[in-house]
């Protein structure tokens, strides 16, 4: 896959994530009876939410892969025997 296609797909995915976060945030604020901020603030909040969610998923994904590697290598059984 060439780099331009990858960049375009990443951009499309990011835009979709931000739009989804924006719509959920807007729905939540209306549901709680709170005022919806102006468009620029709403977009900024949505981008912040997406960035935080991606960070959490990235860190969590590393832990999952690490645990899978440990199980595959047999490290998990050795650690359980110590306890």
Protein backbone atom coordinates (compact mmCIF):
# COMPACT_ATOMS: atom_id res chain seq x y z
CA UNK A 1 0.00 0.00 0.00
CA UNK A 2 1.51 3.34 -0.95
CA UNK A 3 2.02 6.15 1.56
CA UNK A 4 -0.57 8.52 0.07
CA UNK A 5 -3.29 5.90 0.37
CA UNK A 6 -2.30 5.18 3.98
CA UNK A 7 -2.39 8.88 4.84
CA UNK A 8 -5.78 9.30 3.20
CA UNK A 9 -7.21 6.29 5.05
CA UNK A 10 -5.82 7.52 8.37
CA UNK A 11 -7.25 10.98 7.71
CA UNK A 12 -10.64 9.53 6.84
CA UNK A 13 -10.64 7.36 9.97
CA UNK A 14 -9.63 10.32 12.15
CA UNK A 15 -12.36 12.53 10.68
CA UNK A 16 -14.93 9.80 11.27
CA UNK A 17 -13.80 9.38 14.88
CA UNK A 18 -14.05 13.12 15.51
CA UNK A 19 -17.52 13.33 13.93
CA UNK A 20 -18.73 10.43 16.03
CA UNK A 21 -17.26 11.90 19.22
CA UNK A 22 -18.80 15.27 18.35
CA UNK A 23 -22.24 13.79 17.86
CA UNK A 24 -22.05 11.77 21.10
CA UNK A 25 -20.80 14.79 23.03
CA UNK A 26 -23.57 16.97 21.63
CA UNK A 27 -26.19 14.32 22.49
CA UNK A 28 -24.83 13.93 26.02
CA UNK A 29 -24.85 17.67 26.70
CA UNK A 30 -28.43 18.02 25.41
CA UNK A 31 -29.52 15.01 27.46
CA UNK A 32 -28.05 16.56 30.60
CA UNK A 33 -29.72 19.88 29.84
CA UNK A 34 -26.38 21.65 29.54
CA UNK A 35 -25.74 24.24 26.85
CA UNK A 36 -23.94 23.03 23.75
CA UNK A 37 -20.77 25.07 23.19
CA UNK A 38 -20.06 26.95 19.98
CA UNK A 39 -18.92 24.88 17.00
CA UNK A 40 -15.19 25.62 17.43
CA UNK A 41 -15.23 24.54 21.08
CA UNK A 42 -17.28 21.47 20.27
CA UNK A 43 -14.81 20.48 17.55
CA UNK A 44 -11.85 21.02 19.90
CA UNK A 45 -13.45 18.94 22.66
CA UNK A 46 -14.21 16.19 20.15
CA UNK A 47 -10.61 16.15 18.92
CA UNK A 48 -9.35 16.00 22.51
CA UNK A 49 -11.66 13.08 23.29
CA UNK A 50 -10.49 11.18 20.21
CA UNK A 51 -6.83 11.82 21.06
CA UNK A 52 -7.31 10.56 24.62
CA UNK A 53 -9.26 7.50 23.45
CA UNK A 54 -6.57 6.62 20.91
CA UNK A 55 -3.89 7.01 23.57
CA UNK A 56 -5.74 4.71 25.97
CA UNK A 57 -6.28 2.13 23.23
CA UNK A 58 -2.65 2.35 22.19
CA UNK A 59 -1.36 1.77 25.72
CA UNK A 60 -3.90 -0.97 26.37
CA UNK A 61 -3.05 -2.66 23.10
CA UNK A 62 0.64 -2.77 24.03
CA UNK A 63 -0.22 -4.47 27.31
CA UNK A 64 -2.41 -7.01 25.55
CA UNK A 65 0.34 -7.86 23.04
CA UNK A 66 2.84 -8.09 25.88
CA UNK A 67 0.63 -10.53 27.78
CA UNK A 68 0.07 -12.61 24.65
CA UNK A 69 3.83 -12.78 24.08
CA UNK A 70 4.39 -13.86 27.68
CA UNK A 71 1.81 -16.61 27.42
CA UNK A 72 3.22 -17.76 24.09
CA UNK A 73 6.75 -17.87 25.49
CA UNK A 74 5.62 -19.58 28.69
CA UNK A 75 6.56 -16.71 31.00
CA UNK A 76 3.09 -16.55 32.53
CA UNK A 77 3.28 -20.03 34.06
CA UNK A 78 6.64 -19.26 35.68
CA UNK A 79 5.29 -16.08 37.29
CA UNK A 80 2.20 -17.89 38.63
CA UNK A 81 4.36 -20.58 40.22
CA UNK A 82 6.26 -17.95 42.21
CA UNK A 83 3.12 -16.72 44.00
